Amino acid sequence: MWVCFTQSYKLAVELKPDQSQAWMNMGGIQHIKGDYTAARMYYQRALLLSPGSKLLKENLAKLDRLEKRLTEGV
């Protein structure tokens, strides 16, 4: 299921690369799948397009907390 969504969002940003919502949604999918590196890349790209987005900042903060917990648990 996630592959279909990811492909749709990738097509959306290929057609219109300034779609911050599509970048954020791709980040969310990767976040859920556990690919935090990809999630951060997509979130940061979206944030460049929508620097005032509270939701993007919250998503990045959640990712930061999750990664911190994972590294502290090692």
N, C-alpha and C. Protein backbone atom coordinates (compact mmCIF):
# COMPACT_ATOMS: atom_id res chain seq x y z
N MET A 1 0.82 -1.19 0.00
CA MET A 1 0.00 0.00 0.00
C MET A 1 0.87 1.26 0.00
N TRP A 2 1.91 1.29 0.84
CA TRP A 2 2.76 2.49 0.92
C TRP A 2 3.46 2.77 -0.40
N VAL A 3 3.77 1.71 -1.14
CA VAL A 3 4.46 1.89 -2.43
C VAL A 3 3.60 2.70 -3.37
N CYS A 4 2.32 2.41 -3.41
CA CYS A 4 1.39 3.13 -4.28
C CYS A 4 1.35 4.61 -3.91
N PHE A 5 1.23 4.91 -2.61
CA PHE A 5 1.20 6.30 -2.17
C PHE A 5 2.51 7.00 -2.49
N THR A 6 3.62 6.32 -2.21
CA THR A 6 4.93 6.92 -2.46
C THR A 6 5.11 7.23 -3.94
N GLN A 7 4.71 6.30 -4.79
CA GLN A 7 4.83 6.54 -6.23
C GLN A 7 3.97 7.73 -6.66
N SER A 8 2.79 7.85 -6.09
CA SER A 8 1.91 8.97 -6.44
C SER A 8 2.52 10.30 -6.03
N TYR A 9 3.10 10.34 -4.83
CA TYR A 9 3.72 11.57 -4.36
C TYR A 9 4.97 11.90 -5.17
N LYS A 10 5.73 10.88 -5.54
CA LYS A 10 6.92 11.12 -6.36
C LYS A 10 6.53 11.69 -7.71
N LEU A 11 5.45 11.18 -8.29
CA LEU A 11 4.96 11.71 -9.55
C LEU A 11 4.50 13.16 -9.36
N ALA A 12 3.84 13.43 -8.25
CA ALA A 12 3.38 14.79 -7.98
C ALA A 12 4.54 15.77 -7.92
N VAL A 13 5.62 15.42 -7.25
CA VAL A 13 6.75 16.35 -7.14
C VAL A 13 7.57 16.41 -8.43
N GLU A 14 7.51 15.36 -9.24
CA GLU A 14 8.15 15.44 -10.55
C GLU A 14 7.42 16.45 -11.43
N LEU A 15 6.09 16.43 -11.35
CA LEU A 15 5.29 17.34 -12.16
C LEU A 15 5.31 18.77 -11.60
N LYS A 16 5.35 18.87 -10.29
CA LYS A 16 5.34 20.19 -9.64
C LYS A 16 6.19 20.12 -8.38
N PRO A 17 7.50 20.36 -8.51
CA PRO A 17 8.43 20.16 -7.39
C PRO A 17 8.22 21.10 -6.20
N ASP A 18 7.37 22.10 -6.33
CA ASP A 18 7.15 23.02 -5.21
C ASP A 18 5.97 22.60 -4.34
N GLN A 19 5.54 21.36 -4.45
CA GLN A 19 4.43 20.84 -3.65
C GLN A 19 4.94 20.37 -2.29
N SER A 20 4.98 21.26 -1.34
CA SER A 20 5.52 20.90 -0.03
C SER A 20 4.71 19.80 0.64
N GLN A 21 3.41 19.78 0.41
CA GLN A 21 2.55 18.75 1.02
C GLN A 21 2.95 17.36 0.55
N ALA A 22 3.27 17.23 -0.72
CA ALA A 22 3.69 15.92 -1.24
C ALA A 22 5.02 15.50 -0.62
N TRP A 23 5.96 16.44 -0.51
CA TRP A 23 7.25 16.13 0.13
C TRP A 23 7.03 15.71 1.58
N MET A 24 6.16 16.43 2.28
CA MET A 24 5.91 16.10 3.68
C MET A 24 5.26 14.72 3.79
N ASN A 25 4.32 14.43 2.90
CA ASN A 25 3.65 13.13 2.96
C ASN A 25 4.62 11.99 2.67
N MET A 26 5.55 12.20 1.74
CA MET A 26 6.57 11.17 1.49
C MET A 26 7.42 10.98 2.75
N GLY A 27 7.72 12.07 3.42
CA GLY A 27 8.46 11.98 4.68
C GLY A 27 7.69 11.20 5.72
N GLY A 28 6.40 11.46 5.80
CA GLY A 28 5.57 10.74 6.76
C GLY A 28 5.53 9.25 6.51
N ILE A 29 5.46 8.87 5.25
CA ILE A 29 5.45 7.45 4.90
C ILE A 29 6.77 6.80 5.31
N GLN A 30 7.88 7.47 5.00
CA GLN A 30 9.19 6.91 5.37
C GLN A 30 9.36 6.86 6.88
N HIS A 31 8.83 7.86 7.56
CA HIS A 31 8.88 7.91 9.03
C HIS A 31 8.18 6.68 9.60
N ILE A 32 6.98 6.40 9.10
CA ILE A 32 6.20 5.25 9.57
C ILE A 32 6.92 3.94 9.25
N LYS A 33 7.54 3.88 8.08
CA LYS A 33 8.25 2.66 7.66
C LYS A 33 9.55 2.47 8.41
N GLY A 34 10.04 3.50 9.11
CA GLY A 34 11.28 3.38 9.87
C GLY A 34 12.51 3.82 9.12
N ASP A 35 12.35 4.42 7.96
CA ASP A 35 13.49 4.94 7.19
C ASP A 35 13.65 6.42 7.57
N TYR A 36 14.29 6.65 8.71
CA TYR A 36 14.37 7.99 9.26
C TYR A 36 15.25 8.92 8.46
N THR A 37 16.25 8.38 7.80
CA THR A 37 17.12 9.21 6.95
C THR A 37 16.32 9.79 5.79
N ALA A 38 15.56 8.94 5.11
CA ALA A 38 14.72 9.41 4.00
C ALA A 38 13.64 10.35 4.51
N ALA A 39 13.04 10.02 5.64
CA ALA A 39 12.00 10.88 6.20
C ALA A 39 12.53 12.29 6.45
N ARG A 40 13.71 12.36 7.06
CA ARG A 40 14.30 13.67 7.34
C ARG A 40 14.57 14.44 6.05
N MET A 41 15.07 13.76 5.03
CA MET A 41 15.35 14.42 3.76
C MET A 41 14.06 15.02 3.16
N TYR A 42 13.00 14.23 3.16
CA TYR A 42 11.73 14.71 2.60
C TYR A 42 11.15 15.85 3.45
N TYR A 43 11.18 15.70 4.76
CA TYR A 43 10.68 16.77 5.64
C TYR A 43 11.46 18.06 5.41
N GLN A 44 12.78 17.96 5.32
CA GLN A 44 13.59 19.16 5.14
C GLN A 44 13.33 19.82 3.80
N ARG A 45 13.12 19.02 2.77
CA ARG A 45 12.78 19.58 1.46
C ARG A 45 11.44 20.33 1.54
N ALA A 46 10.47 19.73 2.22
CA ALA A 46 9.17 20.38 2.39
C ALA A 46 9.31 21.67 3.18
N LEU A 47 10.16 21.64 4.20
CA LEU A 47 10.34 22.83 5.04
C LEU A 47 10.98 23.97 4.27
N LEU A 48 11.85 23.66 3.32
CA LEU A 48 12.41 24.70 2.46
C LEU A 48 11.31 25.41 1.67
N LEU A 49 10.30 24.65 1.28
CA LEU A 49 9.19 25.20 0.49
C LEU A 49 8.14 25.88 1.36
N SER A 50 8.02 25.43 2.60
CA SER A 50 7.04 25.98 3.54
C SER A 50 7.71 26.21 4.89
N PRO A 51 8.59 27.21 4.97
CA PRO A 51 9.38 27.39 6.19
C PRO A 51 8.57 27.73 7.45
N GLY A 52 7.36 28.17 7.28
CA GLY A 52 6.54 28.50 8.44
C GLY A 52 5.63 27.38 8.90
N SER A 53 5.77 26.19 8.32
CA SER A 53 4.87 25.08 8.62
C SER A 53 5.12 24.52 10.02
N LYS A 54 4.15 24.72 10.88
CA LYS A 54 4.24 24.20 12.24
C LYS A 54 4.23 22.66 12.22
N LEU A 55 3.42 22.09 11.35
CA LEU A 55 3.33 20.63 11.27
C LEU A 55 4.66 20.00 10.87
N LEU A 56 5.33 20.60 9.89
CA LEU A 56 6.64 20.07 9.48
C LEU A 56 7.65 20.16 10.61
N LYS A 57 7.64 21.28 11.31
CA LYS A 57 8.56 21.42 12.45
C LYS A 57 8.26 20.40 13.53
N GLU A 58 6.97 20.12 13.76
CA GLU A 58 6.59 19.11 14.74
C GLU A 58 7.03 17.72 14.29
N ASN A 59 6.86 17.42 13.00
CA ASN A 59 7.28 16.12 12.49
C ASN A 59 8.79 15.93 12.63
N LEU A 60 9.56 16.97 12.33
CA LEU A 60 11.01 16.88 12.50
C LEU A 60 11.38 16.73 13.96
N ALA A 61 10.66 17.40 14.85
CA ALA A 61 10.94 17.27 16.28
C ALA A 61 10.64 15.85 16.76
N LYS A 62 9.55 15.27 16.27
CA LYS A 62 9.23 13.87 16.62
C LYS A 62 10.33 12.94 16.13
N LEU A 63 10.78 13.18 14.92
CA LEU A 63 11.86 12.36 14.37
C LEU A 63 13.13 12.51 15.20
N ASP A 64 13.45 13.73 15.60
CA ASP A 64 14.62 13.96 16.46
C ASP A 64 14.52 13.17 17.76
N ARG A 65 13.34 13.24 18.40
CA ARG A 65 13.16 12.52 19.67
C ARG A 65 13.27 11.01 19.47
N LEU A 66 12.69 10.51 18.40
CA LEU A 66 12.75 9.08 18.13
C LEU A 66 14.18 8.62 17.88
N GLU A 67 14.90 9.37 17.06
CA GLU A 67 16.29 9.01 16.78
C GLU A 67 17.15 9.09 18.03
N LYS A 68 16.88 10.07 18.87
CA LYS A 68 17.64 10.20 20.12
C LYS A 68 17.40 9.00 21.02
N ARG A 69 16.14 8.58 21.12
CA ARG A 69 15.84 7.39 21.94
C ARG A 69 16.53 6.16 21.39
N LEU A 70 16.55 6.03 20.07
CA LEU A 70 17.18 4.86 19.46
C LEU A 70 18.69 4.85 19.69
N THR A 71 19.33 6.01 19.59
CA THR A 71 20.78 6.05 19.79
C THR A 71 21.15 5.90 21.27
N GLU A 72 20.30 6.38 22.16
CA GLU A 72 20.58 6.23 23.58
C GLU A 72 20.39 4.80 24.03
N GLY A 73 19.51 4.07 23.33
CA GLY A 73 19.25 2.69 23.69
C GLY A 73 20.32 1.72 23.21
N VAL A 74 21.22 2.21 22.36
CA VAL A 74 22.28 1.34 21.81
C VAL A 74 23.36 1.12 22.82
